[in-house]
């Protein structure tokens, strides 16, 4: 089978490819990625010479270029990771989120509709989405697959739109699809604008640890390889036309996450944890900041037999160790443009 993996040089996509390309030599995996700031082919050096791996530098917003890839490879499965995903960036510059997350998804769906129309039953469009489409929870309750959508940011709104498009193509045209909504991912190769790698990098370099508001916002944390295994499980065993919530069963406030990171780095480096905790600096909260996300992943467990293997503690230790051991990678992806963006968007937010 031919797997199109969009956004395969990004954080989750690269972990997916590094997990399954070596494991499934009987399949060909085509990485379709335009290599935006957060994507990096360095992530895939381990598999770049594998016979069943291909890379195509194509933007999913370019319909003609995408069509050329459909004609070249005739994919059987689309695994759609490609997306702009950083909430802060979506607040500052929403256009790219609309173009990539909505128009890009539309382009893939249109091509699948035209090129698969005579064989829908043997093709699959798997759409990777987020729990942020559901909006914000209070102190109690969980997101279910049936929870109404209530997105708060341009990012989550664009992902909600793409979710609806995928379902519409299933209902209207008979396109076979599966859809997953996951909680917050963390692990190796995550671009250091996201909370955990940003904090690890700043801890190691003695820079301030910026915390929105009072640090009380709660997220459910999912180790990225567990997420990738869950996606494969859904594609292999999941019912077509169904959605599945993927969670890590690891709810933590942002302050709990940062405290844990400080303690783990302290253990590794031998430095006093108080030195790291003293770097915490509270900054003005971002607009529309959802209070709490929490996933009920019982459908994954009961119907498909999947559960995360990593606990919060084991996953965080693996993650910190990876960033400590791969600081050269971290510095290589933190270009001058990224630093300019951080300076522009955070320097005036301290309280």
C-alpha atoms as a PDB file:
ATOM      1  CA  UNK A   1       0.000   0.000   0.000  1.00  0.00           C
ATOM      2  CA  UNK A   2       1.016   3.603  -0.588  1.00  0.00           C
ATOM      3  CA  UNK A   3       0.669   5.902   2.429  1.00  0.00           C
ATOM      4  CA  UNK A   4       0.605   9.674   1.907  1.00  0.00           C
ATOM      5  CA  UNK A   5       1.760  11.225   5.194  1.00  0.00           C
ATOM      6  CA  UNK A   6       1.186  14.987   5.035  1.00  0.00           C
ATOM      7  CA  UNK A   7       3.315  17.059   7.390  1.00  0.00           C
ATOM      8  CA  UNK A   8       5.658  14.134   7.868  1.00  0.00           C
ATOM      9  CA  UNK A   9       8.652  16.323   8.719  1.00  0.00           C
ATOM     10  CA  UNK A  10       6.826  17.965  11.609  1.00  0.00           C
ATOM     11  CA  UNK A  11       6.721  16.854  15.218  1.00  0.00           C
ATOM     12  CA  UNK A  12       4.016  14.174  15.203  1.00  0.00           C
ATOM     13  CA  UNK A  13       4.424  13.218  11.548  1.00  0.00           C
ATOM     14  CA  UNK A  14       8.148  12.548  11.899  1.00  0.00           C
ATOM     15  CA  UNK A  15       7.595  10.394  14.975  1.00  0.00           C
ATOM     16  CA  UNK A  16       4.910   8.503  13.039  1.00  0.00           C
ATOM     17  CA  UNK A  17       7.230   7.865  10.096  1.00  0.00           C
ATOM     18  CA  UNK A  18      10.195   6.916  12.309  1.00  0.00           C
ATOM     19  CA  UNK A  19       7.927   4.404  14.067  1.00  0.00           C
ATOM     20  CA  UNK A  20       6.243   2.738  11.094  1.00  0.00           C
ATOM     21  CA  UNK A  21       8.579   3.011   8.083  1.00  0.00           C
ATOM     22  CA  UNK A  22      11.063   0.480   9.572  1.00  0.00           C
ATOM     23  CA  UNK A  23       8.234  -1.673  10.919  1.00  0.00           C
ATOM     24  CA  UNK A  24       6.291  -1.971   7.648  1.00  0.00           C
ATOM     25  CA  UNK A  25       8.636  -2.567   4.749  1.00  0.00           C
ATOM     26  CA  UNK A  26       5.683  -3.940   2.773  1.00  0.00           C
ATOM     27  CA  UNK A  27       4.219  -0.411   2.523  1.00  0.00           C
ATOM     28  CA  UNK A  28       5.605   2.717   0.862  1.00  0.00           C
ATOM     29  CA  UNK A  29       5.392   5.951   2.856  1.00  0.00           C
ATOM     30  CA  UNK A  30       5.437   9.268   0.983  1.00  0.00           C
ATOM     31  CA  UNK A  31       6.214  12.258   3.185  1.00  0.00           C
ATOM     32  CA  UNK A  32       4.435  15.319   1.746  1.00  0.00           C
ATOM     33  CA  UNK A  33       5.732  18.437   3.497  1.00  0.00           C
ATOM     34  CA  UNK A  34       6.522  21.994   2.389  1.00  0.00           C
ATOM     35  CA  UNK A  35       8.992  22.356   5.293  1.00  0.00           C
ATOM     36  CA  UNK A  36       7.666  25.371   7.162  1.00  0.00           C
ATOM     37  CA  UNK A  37       9.561  26.744  10.177  1.00  0.00           C
ATOM     38  CA  UNK A  38       8.549  23.869  12.480  1.00  0.00           C
ATOM     39  CA  UNK A  39       9.362  21.032  10.048  1.00  0.00           C
ATOM     40  CA  UNK A  40      12.837  19.603   9.674  1.00  0.00           C
ATOM     41  CA  UNK A  41      14.221  16.761   7.581  1.00  0.00           C
ATOM     42  CA  UNK A  42      16.862  16.299  10.287  1.00  0.00           C
ATOM     43  CA  UNK A  43      14.037  14.607  12.201  1.00  0.00           C
ATOM     44  CA  UNK A  44      14.040  11.805   9.614  1.00  0.00           C
ATOM     45  CA  UNK A  45      17.734  11.100   9.084  1.00  0.00           C
ATOM     46  CA  UNK A  46      17.287   7.593  10.532  1.00  0.00           C
ATOM     47  CA  UNK A  47      14.914   6.552   7.748  1.00  0.00           C
ATOM     48  CA  UNK A  48      15.888   8.744   4.799  1.00  0.00           C
ATOM     49  CA  UNK A  49      17.669   5.860   3.050  1.00  0.00           C
ATOM     50  CA  UNK A  50      14.910   3.298   3.606  1.00  0.00           C
ATOM     51  CA  UNK A  51      13.658   1.759   0.364  1.00  0.00           C
ATOM     52  CA  UNK A  52      10.018   2.307   1.357  1.00  0.00           C
ATOM     53  CA  UNK A  53      10.356   6.022   2.185  1.00  0.00           C
ATOM     54  CA  UNK A  54       9.984   8.986  -0.172  1.00  0.00           C
ATOM     55  CA  UNK A  55      10.000  12.739   0.422  1.00  0.00           C
ATOM     56  CA  UNK A  56       8.077  15.268  -1.679  1.00  0.00           C
ATOM     57  CA  UNK A  57       8.463  18.970  -0.892  1.00  0.00           C
ATOM     58  CA  UNK A  58       4.915  20.056  -1.708  1.00  0.00           C
ATOM     59  CA  UNK A  59       2.558  22.508   0.015  1.00  0.00           C
ATOM     60  CA  UNK A  60      -0.936  21.073   0.487  1.00  0.00           C
ATOM     61  CA  UNK A  61      -2.393  24.474  -0.417  1.00  0.00           C
ATOM     62  CA  UNK A  62      -1.008  23.948  -3.976  1.00  0.00           C
ATOM     63  CA  UNK A  63      -3.721  21.873  -5.652  1.00  0.00           C
ATOM     64  CA  UNK A  64      -1.842  21.332  -8.930  1.00  0.00           C
ATOM     65  CA  UNK A  65       1.316  20.135  -7.199  1.00  0.00           C
ATOM     66  CA  UNK A  66      -0.706  17.789  -5.003  1.00  0.00           C
ATOM     67  CA  UNK A  67      -2.501  16.412  -8.042  1.00  0.00           C
ATOM     68  CA  UNK A  68       0.874  15.645  -9.581  1.00  0.00           C
ATOM     69  CA  UNK A  69       1.692  13.515  -6.540  1.00  0.00           C
ATOM     70  CA  UNK A  70      -1.632  11.668  -6.802  1.00  0.00           C
ATOM     71  CA  UNK A  71      -0.835  10.875 -10.426  1.00  0.00           C
ATOM     72  CA  UNK A  72       2.720   9.834  -9.560  1.00  0.00           C
ATOM     73  CA  UNK A  73       2.004   7.586  -6.578  1.00  0.00           C
ATOM     74  CA  UNK A  74      -1.723   6.641  -6.590  1.00  0.00           C
ATOM     75  CA  UNK A  75      -1.955   6.623  -2.770  1.00  0.00           C
ATOM     76  CA  UNK A  76      -4.187   4.155  -0.955  1.00  0.00           C
ATOM     77  CA  UNK A  77      -4.157   5.915   2.430  1.00  0.00           C
ATOM     78  CA  UNK A  78      -3.814   9.577   3.387  1.00  0.00           C
ATOM     79  CA  UNK A  79      -2.601  10.232   6.930  1.00  0.00           C
ATOM     80  CA  UNK A  80      -3.228  13.948   7.323  1.00  0.00           C
ATOM     81  CA  UNK A  81      -0.967  15.552   9.945  1.00  0.00           C
ATOM     82  CA  UNK A  82      -0.140  18.763   8.056  1.00  0.00           C
ATOM     83  CA  UNK A  83      -1.431  21.790   9.942  1.00  0.00           C
ATOM     84  CA  UNK A  84      -0.468  25.081  11.466  1.00  0.00           C
ATOM     85  CA  UNK A  85      -0.883  24.297  15.154  1.00  0.00           C
ATOM     86  CA  UNK A  86       0.461  27.015  17.453  1.00  0.00           C
ATOM     87  CA  UNK A  87      -2.400  28.884  19.117  1.00  0.00           C
ATOM     88  CA  UNK A  88      -0.380  32.041  19.788  1.00  0.00           C
ATOM     89  CA  UNK A  89       0.602  32.305  16.131  1.00  0.00           C
ATOM     90  CA  UNK A  90      -3.018  31.871  15.082  1.00  0.00           C
ATOM     91  CA  UNK A  91      -4.011  34.827  17.239  1.00  0.00           C
ATOM     92  CA  UNK A  92      -1.324  37.059  15.742  1.00  0.00           C
ATOM     93  CA  UNK A  93      -1.536  35.825  12.120  1.00  0.00           C
ATOM     94  CA  UNK A  94      -4.625  33.697  11.420  1.00  0.00           C
ATOM     95  CA  UNK A  95      -4.483  33.695   7.599  1.00  0.00           C
ATOM     96  CA  UNK A  96      -1.945  30.888   7.280  1.00  0.00           C
ATOM     97  CA  UNK A  97      -4.098  28.728   9.564  1.00  0.00           C
ATOM     98  CA  UNK A  98      -7.114  29.188   7.306  1.00  0.00           C
ATOM     99  CA  UNK A  99      -5.071  28.460   4.197  1.00  0.00           C
ATOM    100  CA  UNK A 100      -3.297  25.339   5.477  1.00  0.00           C
ATOM    101  CA  UNK A 101      -5.821  23.811   7.839  1.00  0.00           C
ATOM    102  CA  UNK A 102      -8.974  24.442   5.795  1.00  0.00           C
ATOM    103  CA  UNK A 103      -7.949  24.951   2.153  1.00  0.00           C
ATOM    104  CA  UNK A 104      -5.165  22.371   2.390  1.00  0.00           C
ATOM    105  CA  UNK A 105      -7.559  19.776   3.812  1.00  0.00           C
ATOM    106  CA  UNK A 106     -10.119  20.656   1.141  1.00  0.00           C
ATOM    107  CA  UNK A 107      -7.516  20.093  -1.589  1.00  0.00           C
ATOM    108  CA  UNK A 108      -6.666  16.644  -0.253  1.00  0.00           C
ATOM    109  CA  UNK A 109     -10.334  15.709   0.047  1.00  0.00           C
ATOM    110  CA  UNK A 110     -11.107  16.902  -3.484  1.00  0.00           C
ATOM    111  CA  UNK A 111      -8.250  14.893  -4.946  1.00  0.00           C
ATOM    112  CA  UNK A 112      -9.261  11.831  -2.947  1.00  0.00           C
ATOM    113  CA  UNK A 113     -12.840  12.260  -4.170  1.00  0.00           C
ATOM    114  CA  UNK A 114     -11.782  12.371  -7.816  1.00  0.00           C
ATOM    115  CA  UNK A 115      -9.010   9.768  -7.788  1.00  0.00           C
ATOM    116  CA  UNK A 116     -10.675   7.279  -5.452  1.00  0.00           C
ATOM    117  CA  UNK A 117     -14.281   7.510  -6.655  1.00  0.00           C
ATOM    118  CA  UNK A 118     -14.225   4.079  -8.310  1.00  0.00           C
ATOM    119  CA  UNK A 119     -12.672   2.341  -5.307  1.00  0.00           C
ATOM    120  CA  UNK A 120     -13.741   4.192  -2.137  1.00  0.00           C
ATOM    121  CA  UNK A 121     -14.092   0.998  -0.119  1.00  0.00           C
ATOM    122  CA  UNK A 122     -10.393   0.162  -0.404  1.00  0.00           C
ATOM    123  CA  UNK A 123      -9.065   3.648   0.372  1.00  0.00           C
ATOM    124  CA  UNK A 124      -8.813   5.581   3.624  1.00  0.00           C
ATOM    125  CA  UNK A 125      -8.501   9.231   4.592  1.00  0.00           C
ATOM    126  CA  UNK A 126      -7.306   9.528   8.191  1.00  0.00           C
ATOM    127  CA  UNK A 127      -7.623  13.019   9.639  1.00  0.00           C
ATOM    128  CA  UNK A 128      -5.569  13.999  12.704  1.00  0.00           C
ATOM    129  CA  UNK A 129      -7.261  16.659  14.818  1.00  0.00           C
ATOM    130  CA  UNK A 130      -7.214  18.144  18.300  1.00  0.00           C
ATOM    131  CA  UNK A 131      -9.291  18.244  21.458  1.00  0.00           C
ATOM    132  CA  UNK A 132      -9.218  22.057  21.214  1.00  0.00           C
ATOM    133  CA  UNK A 133     -12.166  21.912  18.795  1.00  0.00           C
ATOM    134  CA  UNK A 134     -14.388  21.132  21.798  1.00  0.00           C
ATOM    135  CA  UNK A 135     -13.622  24.400  23.580  1.00  0.00           C
ATOM    136  CA  UNK A 136     -13.073  24.647  27.321  1.00  0.00           C
ATOM    137  CA  UNK A 137     -14.139  22.463  30.245  1.00  0.00           C
ATOM    138  CA  UNK A 138     -14.819  23.501  33.799  1.00  0.00           C
ATOM    139  CA  UNK A 139     -13.277  21.657  36.720  1.00  0.00           C
ATOM    140  CA  UNK A 140     -15.363  18.550  36.052  1.00  0.00           C
ATOM    141  CA  UNK A 141     -16.219  16.400  33.041  1.00  0.00           C
ATOM    142  CA  UNK A 142     -14.438  15.134  29.939  1.00  0.00           C
ATOM    143  CA  UNK A 143     -14.536  15.568  26.199  1.00  0.00           C
ATOM    144  CA  UNK A 144     -16.486  12.763  24.538  1.00  0.00           C
ATOM    145  CA  UNK A 145     -16.620  11.988  20.823  1.00  0.00           C
ATOM    146  CA  UNK A 146     -20.140  13.425  20.943  1.00  0.00           C
ATOM    147  CA  UNK A 147     -19.165  16.685  22.683  1.00  0.00           C
ATOM    148  CA  UNK A 148     -20.410  19.671  20.614  1.00  0.00           C
ATOM    149  CA  UNK A 149     -17.711  21.756  18.969  1.00  0.00           C
ATOM    150  CA  UNK A 150     -17.021  25.145  20.564  1.00  0.00           C
ATOM    151  CA  UNK A 151     -13.573  26.332  19.373  1.00  0.00           C
ATOM    152  CA  UNK A 152     -12.019  29.407  20.983  1.00  0.00           C
ATOM    153  CA  UNK A 153      -9.054  30.389  18.794  1.00  0.00           C
ATOM    154  CA  UNK A 154      -8.422  30.803  15.065  1.00  0.00           C
ATOM    155  CA  UNK A 155      -6.343  27.625  15.293  1.00  0.00           C
ATOM    156  CA  UNK A 156      -9.053  25.476  16.864  1.00  0.00           C
ATOM    157  CA  UNK A 157     -11.698  27.011  14.595  1.00  0.00           C
ATOM    158  CA  UNK A 158      -9.666  26.084  11.522  1.00  0.00           C
ATOM    159  CA  UNK A 159      -9.254  22.520  12.798  1.00  0.00           C
ATOM    160  CA  UNK A 160     -12.967  22.283  13.574  1.00  0.00           C
ATOM    161  CA  UNK A 161     -13.694  23.412  10.016  1.00  0.00           C
ATOM    162  CA  UNK A 162     -11.414  20.737   8.597  1.00  0.00           C
ATOM    163  CA  UNK A 163     -13.059  18.081  10.784  1.00  0.00           C
ATOM    164  CA  UNK A 164     -16.464  19.065   9.432  1.00  0.00           C
ATOM    165  CA  UNK A 165     -15.176  18.947   5.858  1.00  0.00           C
ATOM    166  CA  UNK A 166     -13.863  15.401   6.319  1.00  0.00           C
ATOM    167  CA  UNK A 167     -17.174  14.214   7.749  1.00  0.00           C
ATOM    168  CA  UNK A 168     -19.089  15.989   4.979  1.00  0.00           C
ATOM    169  CA  UNK A 169     -17.061  14.213   2.286  1.00  0.00           C
ATOM    170  CA  UNK A 170     -17.808  10.927   4.004  1.00  0.00           C
ATOM    171  CA  UNK A 171     -21.531  11.546   4.157  1.00  0.00           C
ATOM    172  CA  UNK A 172     -21.910  13.253   0.780  1.00  0.00           C
ATOM    173  CA  UNK A 173     -19.546  11.279  -1.430  1.00  0.00           C
ATOM    174  CA  UNK A 174     -18.965   8.034   0.475  1.00  0.00           C
ATOM    175  CA  UNK A 175     -15.298   8.778   1.170  1.00  0.00           C
ATOM    176  CA  UNK A 176     -13.990   6.291   3.725  1.00  0.00           C
ATOM    177  CA  UNK A 177     -12.441   8.139   6.658  1.00  0.00           C
ATOM    178  CA  UNK A 178     -11.417   7.905  10.278  1.00  0.00           C
ATOM    179  CA  UNK A 179     -10.842  10.930  12.509  1.00  0.00           C
ATOM    180  CA  UNK A 180      -8.948  11.324  15.764  1.00  0.00           C
ATOM    181  CA  UNK A 181      -8.971  14.176  18.269  1.00  0.00           C
ATOM    182  CA  UNK A 182      -5.957  14.053  20.556  1.00  0.00           C
ATOM    183  CA  UNK A 183      -4.869  15.806  23.716  1.00  0.00           C
ATOM    184  CA  UNK A 184      -1.605  17.778  24.040  1.00  0.00           C
ATOM    185  CA  UNK A 185       1.370  15.900  22.618  1.00  0.00           C
ATOM    186  CA  UNK A 186       4.951  16.050  23.881  1.00  0.00           C
ATOM    187  CA  UNK A 187       8.170  14.198  23.173  1.00  0.00           C
ATOM    188  CA  UNK A 188      11.210  14.237  20.843  1.00  0.00           C
ATOM    189  CA  UNK A 189      11.454  16.624  17.880  1.00  0.00           C
ATOM    190  CA  UNK A 190       8.801  19.100  19.064  1.00  0.00           C
ATOM    191  CA  UNK A 191       9.566  22.625  17.918  1.00  0.00           C
ATOM    192  CA  UNK A 192      10.586  24.752  20.924  1.00  0.00           C
ATOM    193  CA  UNK A 193       7.665  27.170  20.733  1.00  0.00           C
ATOM    194  CA  UNK A 194       5.417  24.656  22.511  1.00  0.00           C
ATOM    195  CA  UNK A 195       5.281  24.618  26.293  1.00  0.00           C
ATOM    196  CA  UNK A 196       7.426  21.613  27.216  1.00  0.00           C
ATOM    197  CA  UNK A 197      10.392  22.017  24.829  1.00  0.00           C
ATOM    198  CA  UNK A 198      10.364  25.801  25.373  1.00  0.00           C
ATOM    199  CA  UNK A 199      10.589  25.315  29.134  1.00  0.00           C
ATOM    200  CA  UNK A 200      13.296  22.655  28.879  1.00  0.00           C
ATOM    201  CA  UNK A 201      15.383  24.887  26.618  1.00  0.00           C
ATOM    202  CA  UNK A 202      14.961  27.906  28.882  1.00  0.00           C
ATOM    203  CA  UNK A 203      15.731  25.899  32.015  1.00  0.00           C
ATOM    204  CA  UNK A 204      18.958  24.588  30.490  1.00  0.00           C
ATOM    205  CA  UNK A 205      20.019  28.057  29.347  1.00  0.00           C
ATOM    206  CA  UNK A 206      18.949  29.905  32.520  1.00  0.00           C
ATOM    207  CA  UNK A 207      16.341  32.010  30.740  1.00  0.00           C
ATOM    208  CA  UNK A 208      12.960  33.071  32.203  1.00  0.00           C
ATOM    209  CA  UNK A 209      10.131  30.527  32.143  1.00  0.00           C
ATOM    210  CA  UNK A 210       7.082  32.532  30.913  1.00  0.00           C
ATOM    211  CA  UNK A 211       3.805  31.264  32.399  1.00  0.00           C
ATOM    212  CA  UNK A 212       0.438  32.551  31.220  1.00  0.00           C
ATOM    213  CA  UNK A 213      -1.826  33.976  33.930  1.00  0.00           C
ATOM    214  CA  UNK A 214      -1.410  31.997  37.149  1.00  0.00           C
ATOM    215  CA  UNK A 215      -0.446  28.754  35.433  1.00  0.00           C
ATOM    216  CA  UNK A 216      -3.758  27.158  36.369  1.00  0.00           C
ATOM    217  CA  UNK A 217      -4.783  26.019  32.888  1.00  0.00           C
ATOM    218  CA  UNK A 218      -5.099  22.228  32.703  1.00  0.00           C
ATOM    219  CA  UNK A 219      -4.130  19.968  29.804  1.00  0.00           C
ATOM    220  CA  UNK A 220      -4.105  16.207  29.323  1.00  0.00           C
ATOM    221  CA  UNK A 221      -0.600  15.212  28.201  1.00  0.00           C
ATOM    222  CA  UNK A 222      -0.004  12.449  25.647  1.00  0.00           C
ATOM    223  CA  UNK A 223       3.433  11.063  24.738  1.00  0.00           C
ATOM    224  CA  UNK A 224       3.845  11.404  20.989  1.00  0.00           C
ATOM    225  CA  UNK A 225       4.774   7.771  20.263  1.00  0.00           C
ATOM    226  CA  UNK A 226       1.669   6.629  22.148  1.00  0.00           C
ATOM    227  CA  UNK A 227      -0.322   8.965  19.892  1.00  0.00           C
ATOM    228  CA  UNK A 228       1.271   7.506  16.759  1.00  0.00           C
ATOM    229  CA  UNK A 229       0.489   3.959  17.898  1.00  0.00           C
ATOM    230  CA  UNK A 230      -3.101   5.018  18.541  1.00  0.00           C
ATOM    231  CA  UNK A 231      -3.455   6.477  15.043  1.00  0.00           C
ATOM    232  CA  UNK A 232      -2.162   3.261  13.465  1.00  0.00           C
ATOM    233  CA  UNK A 233      -4.598   1.277  15.626  1.00  0.00           C
ATOM    234  CA  UNK A 234      -7.514   3.423  14.435  1.00  0.00           C
ATOM    235  CA  UNK A 235      -6.517   3.036  10.789  1.00  0.00           C
ATOM    236  CA  UNK A 236      -6.155  -0.732  11.171  1.00  0.00           C
ATOM    237  CA  UNK A 237      -9.112  -1.526  13.449  1.00  0.00           C
ATOM    238  CA  UNK A 238     -11.336   1.547  13.614  1.00  0.00           C
ATOM    239  CA  UNK A 239     -14.787   1.706  12.095  1.00  0.00           C
ATOM    240  CA  UNK A 240     -14.923   3.820   8.950  1.00  0.00           C
ATOM    241  CA  UNK A 241     -16.787   7.088   9.415  1.00  0.00           C
ATOM    242  CA  UNK A 242     -16.071   7.168  13.158  1.00  0.00           C
ATOM    243  CA  UNK A 243     -14.190   9.587  15.402  1.00  0.00           C
ATOM    244  CA  UNK A 244     -11.942   8.532  18.280  1.00  0.00           C
ATOM    245  CA  UNK A 245     -10.619  10.625  21.156  1.00  0.00           C
ATOM    246  CA  UNK A 246      -6.983   9.903  22.063  1.00  0.00           C
ATOM    247  CA  UNK A 247      -5.817  10.988  25.513  1.00  0.00           C
ATOM    248  CA  UNK A 248      -2.926  10.314  27.843  1.00  0.00           C
ATOM    249  CA  UNK A 249      -4.856  10.170  31.139  1.00  0.00           C
ATOM    250  CA  UNK A 250      -2.391  12.750  32.459  1.00  0.00           C
ATOM    251  CA  UNK A 251      -4.147  15.960  33.496  1.00  0.00           C
ATOM    252  CA  UNK A 252      -1.765  18.572  34.850  1.00  0.00           C
ATOM    253  CA  UNK A 253      -1.846  22.334  35.347  1.00  0.00           C
ATOM    254  CA  UNK A 254       0.814  24.272  33.497  1.00  0.00           C
ATOM    255  CA  UNK A 255       2.505  24.990  36.823  1.00  0.00           C
ATOM    256  CA  UNK A 256       2.607  21.273  37.645  1.00  0.00           C
ATOM    257  CA  UNK A 257       4.238  20.586  34.279  1.00  0.00           C
ATOM    258  CA  UNK A 258       6.866  23.299  34.769  1.00  0.00           C
ATOM    259  CA  UNK A 259       7.615  22.198  38.316  1.00  0.00           C
ATOM    260  CA  UNK A 260       8.074  18.617  37.128  1.00  0.00           C
ATOM    261  CA  UNK A 261      10.444  19.747  34.361  1.00  0.00           C
ATOM    262  CA  UNK A 262      12.527  21.790  36.807  1.00  0.00           C
ATOM    263  CA  UNK A 263      12.883  18.815  39.126  1.00  0.00           C
ATOM    264  CA  UNK A 264      13.804  16.377  36.334  1.00  0.00           C
ATOM    265  CA  UNK A 265      16.420  18.739  34.875  1.00  0.00           C
ATOM    266  CA  UNK A 266      17.785  19.290  38.383  1.00  0.00           C
ATOM    267  CA  UNK A 267      18.229  15.540  38.838  1.00  0.00           C
ATOM    268  CA  UNK A 268      20.022  15.235  35.492  1.00  0.00           C
ATOM    269  CA  UNK A 269      22.300  18.251  35.892  1.00  0.00           C
ATOM    270  CA  UNK A 270      22.884  18.050  39.641  1.00  0.00           C
ATOM    271  CA  UNK A 271      22.007  21.718  40.066  1.00  0.00           C
ATOM    272  CA  UNK A 272      19.662  23.011  42.774  1.00  0.00           C
ATOM    273  CA  UNK A 273      16.011  22.873  41.717  1.00  0.00           C
ATOM    274  CA  UNK A 274      15.391  26.239  43.411  1.00  0.00           C
ATOM    275  CA  UNK A 275      17.668  27.846  40.826  1.00  0.00           C
ATOM    276  CA  UNK A 276      15.357  26.627  38.085  1.00  0.00           C
ATOM    277  CA  UNK A 277      12.108  27.358  39.914  1.00  0.00           C
ATOM    278  CA  UNK A 278      13.345  30.909  40.411  1.00  0.00           C
ATOM    279  CA  UNK A 279      13.236  31.403  36.642  1.00  0.00           C
ATOM    280  CA  UNK A 280       9.412  31.207  36.580  1.00  0.00           C
ATOM    281  CA  UNK A 281       7.901  34.516  35.456  1.00  0.00           C
ATOM    282  CA  UNK A 282       4.164  35.074  35.118  1.00  0.00           C
ATOM    283  CA  UNK A 283       3.045  36.912  31.978  1.00  0.00           C
ATOM    284  CA  UNK A 284      -0.234  38.334  30.738  1.00  0.00           C
ATOM    285  CA  UNK A 285      -2.658  35.594  29.735  1.00  0.00           C
ATOM    286  CA  UNK A 286      -3.420  35.086  26.062  1.00  0.00           C
ATOM    287  CA  UNK A 287      -6.879  35.960  24.678  1.00  0.00           C
ATOM    288  CA  UNK A 288      -9.450  33.158  24.766  1.00  0.00           C
ATOM    289  CA  UNK A 289      -7.208  30.850  26.795  1.00  0.00           C
ATOM    290  CA  UNK A 290      -9.268  27.720  27.509  1.00  0.00           C
ATOM    291  CA  UNK A 291      -9.182  26.676  31.164  1.00  0.00           C
ATOM    292  CA  UNK A 292      -9.159  22.899  30.936  1.00  0.00           C
ATOM    293  CA  UNK A 293      -9.029  20.089  28.406  1.00  0.00           C
ATOM    294  CA  UNK A 294      -9.607  16.469  29.404  1.00  0.00           C
ATOM    295  CA  UNK A 295     -10.178  13.475  27.143  1.00  0.00           C
ATOM    296  CA  UNK A 296     -12.351  10.434  27.735  1.00  0.00           C
ATOM    297  CA  UNK A 297     -10.488   7.821  25.682  1.00  0.00           C
ATOM    298  CA  UNK A 298     -12.647   4.874  26.741  1.00  0.00           C
ATOM    299  CA  UNK A 299     -13.823   4.274  23.155  1.00  0.00           C
ATOM    300  CA  UNK A 300     -10.206   3.660  22.137  1.00  0.00           C
ATOM    301  CA  UNK A 301      -9.723   1.288  25.065  1.00  0.00           C
ATOM    302  CA  UNK A 302     -13.030  -0.601  24.888  1.00  0.00           C
ATOM    303  CA  UNK A 303     -13.439  -0.906  21.119  1.00  0.00           C
ATOM    304  CA  UNK A 304      -9.851  -0.988  19.836  1.00  0.00           C
ATOM    305  CA  UNK A 305      -7.838  -2.184  22.836  1.00  0.00           C
ATOM    306  CA  UNK A 306      -5.488   0.817  22.886  1.00  0.00           C
ATOM    307  CA  UNK A 307      -4.113   2.512  25.996  1.00  0.00           C
ATOM    308  CA  UNK A 308      -1.080   4.782  26.402  1.00  0.00           C
ATOM    309  CA  UNK A 309       2.066   3.031  27.537  1.00  0.00           C
ATOM    310  CA  UNK A 310       3.800   6.058  29.029  1.00  0.00           C
ATOM    311  CA  UNK A 311       2.837   7.641  32.316  1.00  0.00           C
ATOM    312  CA  UNK A 312       3.333  11.370  32.792  1.00  0.00           C
ATOM    313  CA  UNK A 313       6.495  10.681  34.785  1.00  0.00           C
ATOM    314  CA  UNK A 314       8.056   8.175  32.383  1.00  0.00           C
ATOM    315  CA  UNK A 315       7.183  10.219  29.292  1.00  0.00           C
ATOM    316  CA  UNK A 316       8.529  13.438  30.778  1.00  0.00           C
ATOM    317  CA  UNK A 317      11.807  11.801  31.785  1.00  0.00           C
ATOM    318  CA  UNK A 318      12.265  10.404  28.274  1.00  0.00           C
ATOM    319  CA  UNK A 319      11.476  13.808  26.810  1.00  0.00           C
ATOM    320  CA  UNK A 320      13.821  15.805  29.046  1.00  0.00           C
ATOM    321  CA  UNK A 321      16.639  13.329  28.440  1.00  0.00           C
ATOM    322  CA  UNK A 322      16.125  13.588  24.667  1.00  0.00           C
ATOM    323  CA  UNK A 323      16.354  17.392  24.717  1.00  0.00           C
ATOM    324  CA  UNK A 324      19.361  17.343  27.032  1.00  0.00           C
ATOM    325  CA  UNK A 325      21.105  14.857  24.726  1.00  0.00           C
ATOM    326  CA  UNK A 326      20.084  16.692  21.533  1.00  0.00           C
ATOM    327  CA  UNK A 327      20.753  20.358  22.279  1.00  0.00           C
ATOM    328  CA  UNK A 328      22.491  20.700  18.914  1.00  0.00           C
ATOM    329  CA  UNK A 329      19.189  19.825  17.211  1.00  0.00           C
ATOM    330  CA  UNK A 330      17.333  22.355  19.352  1.00  0.00           C
ATOM    331  CA  UNK A 331      19.729  25.165  18.548  1.00  0.00           C
ATOM    332  CA  UNK A 332      19.732  24.304  14.849  1.00  0.00           C
ATOM    333  CA  UNK A 333      15.961  24.742  14.547  1.00  0.00           C
ATOM    334  CA  UNK A 334      15.886  27.983  16.547  1.00  0.00           C
ATOM    335  CA  UNK A 335      16.716  30.344  13.709  1.00  0.00           C
ATOM    336  CA  UNK A 336      16.995  34.092  13.934  1.00  0.00           C
ATOM    337  CA  UNK A 337      13.459  34.448  12.582  1.00  0.00           C
ATOM    338  CA  UNK A 338      12.110  32.294  15.395  1.00  0.00           C
ATOM    339  CA  UNK A 339      13.912  34.406  17.974  1.00  0.00           C
ATOM    340  CA  UNK A 340      12.463  37.565  16.422  1.00  0.00           C
ATOM    341  CA  UNK A 341       8.982  36.082  16.710  1.00  0.00           C
ATOM    342  CA  UNK A 342       9.479  35.176  20.375  1.00  0.00           C
ATOM    343  CA  UNK A 343      10.819  38.675  21.117  1.00  0.00           C
ATOM    344  CA  UNK A 344       7.911  40.348  19.354  1.00  0.00           C
ATOM    345  CA  UNK A 345       5.189  38.296  21.010  1.00  0.00           C
ATOM    346  CA  UNK A 346       6.474  37.865  24.568  1.00  0.00           C
ATOM    347  CA  UNK A 347       8.673  40.802  25.529  1.00  0.00           C
ATOM    348  CA  UNK A 348       5.775  43.106  26.491  1.00  0.00           C
ATOM    349  CA  UNK A 349       3.644  40.514  28.250  1.00  0.00           C
ATOM    350  CA  UNK A 350       5.326  40.353  31.642  1.00  0.00           C
ATOM    351  CA  UNK A 351       3.172  41.426  34.562  1.00  0.00           C
END
